[in-house]
Amino acid sequence: MLRNLFVRFAMARSDERGATAIEYALIAALIAVAAIVGMELVGTEVNATFQNVANKL
């Protein structure tokens, strides 16, 4: 009986590690998407600024 309890505890612990890894992967993916969107927006504005400067030259 005690052995069964230990085995169930050990299995639950390994399941948490897998869930934690998936959670970290999802967080990393969301951060990457946010960074890409942010860089696109900033890049567009920077491009417009350089184009404005080039036109004035």
Protein backbone atom coordinates (compact mmCIF):
# COMPACT_ATOMS: atom_id res chain seq x y z
CA MET A 1 0.00 0.00 0.00
CA LEU A 2 2.77 2.44 0.87
CA ARG A 3 4.60 1.41 -2.28
CA ASN A 4 1.52 2.18 -4.41
CA LEU A 5 1.27 5.60 -2.81
CA PHE A 6 4.92 6.29 -3.57
CA VAL A 7 4.54 5.17 -7.19
CA ARG A 8 1.48 7.40 -7.68
CA PHE A 9 3.33 10.34 -6.13
CA ALA A 10 6.35 9.75 -8.37
CA MET A 11 4.16 9.56 -11.47
CA ALA A 12 2.29 12.72 -10.54
CA ARG A 13 5.59 14.52 -10.06
CA SER A 14 6.78 13.59 -13.56
CA ASP A 15 3.45 14.72 -15.01
CA GLU A 16 3.92 18.13 -13.40
CA ARG A 17 7.31 18.48 -15.04
CA GLY A 18 5.80 17.86 -18.45
CA ALA A 19 3.00 20.32 -17.79
CA THR A 20 5.49 22.91 -16.58
CA ALA A 21 7.60 22.48 -19.70
CA ILE A 22 4.52 22.98 -21.88
CA GLU A 23 3.55 26.09 -19.93
CA TYR A 24 7.02 27.57 -20.36
CA ALA A 25 6.93 26.79 -24.08
CA LEU A 26 3.56 28.55 -24.43
CA ILE A 27 4.84 31.58 -22.54
CA ALA A 28 7.95 31.72 -24.74
CA ALA A 29 5.79 31.48 -27.87
CA LEU A 30 3.54 34.32 -26.70
CA ILE A 31 6.56 36.50 -25.92
CA ALA A 32 8.00 35.75 -29.36
CA VAL A 33 4.73 36.69 -31.09
CA ALA A 34 4.49 39.92 -29.07
CA ALA A 35 8.11 40.79 -29.92
CA ILE A 36 7.56 40.17 -33.63
CA VAL A 37 4.40 42.30 -33.70
CA GLY A 38 6.16 45.07 -31.78
CA MET A 39 9.17 45.03 -34.09
CA GLU A 40 6.91 45.15 -37.14
CA LEU A 41 5.12 48.22 -35.81
CA VAL A 42 8.32 50.01 -34.84
CA GLY A 43 9.99 48.99 -38.11
CA THR A 44 7.16 50.49 -40.13
CA GLU A 45 7.38 53.77 -38.26
CA VAL A 46 11.17 53.91 -38.54
CA ASN A 47 10.92 53.21 -42.26
CA ALA A 48 8.41 56.04 -42.65
CA THR A 49 10.68 58.42 -40.74
CA PHE A 50 13.70 57.56 -42.90
CA GLN A 51 11.58 57.92 -46.04
CA ASN A 52 10.44 61.36 -44.86
CA VAL A 53 14.05 62.41 -44.23
CA ALA A 54 15.15 61.06 -47.62
CA ASN A 55 12.36 62.98 -49.36
CA LYS A 56 13.38 66.22 -47.66
CA LEU A 57 16.98 65.77 -48.74
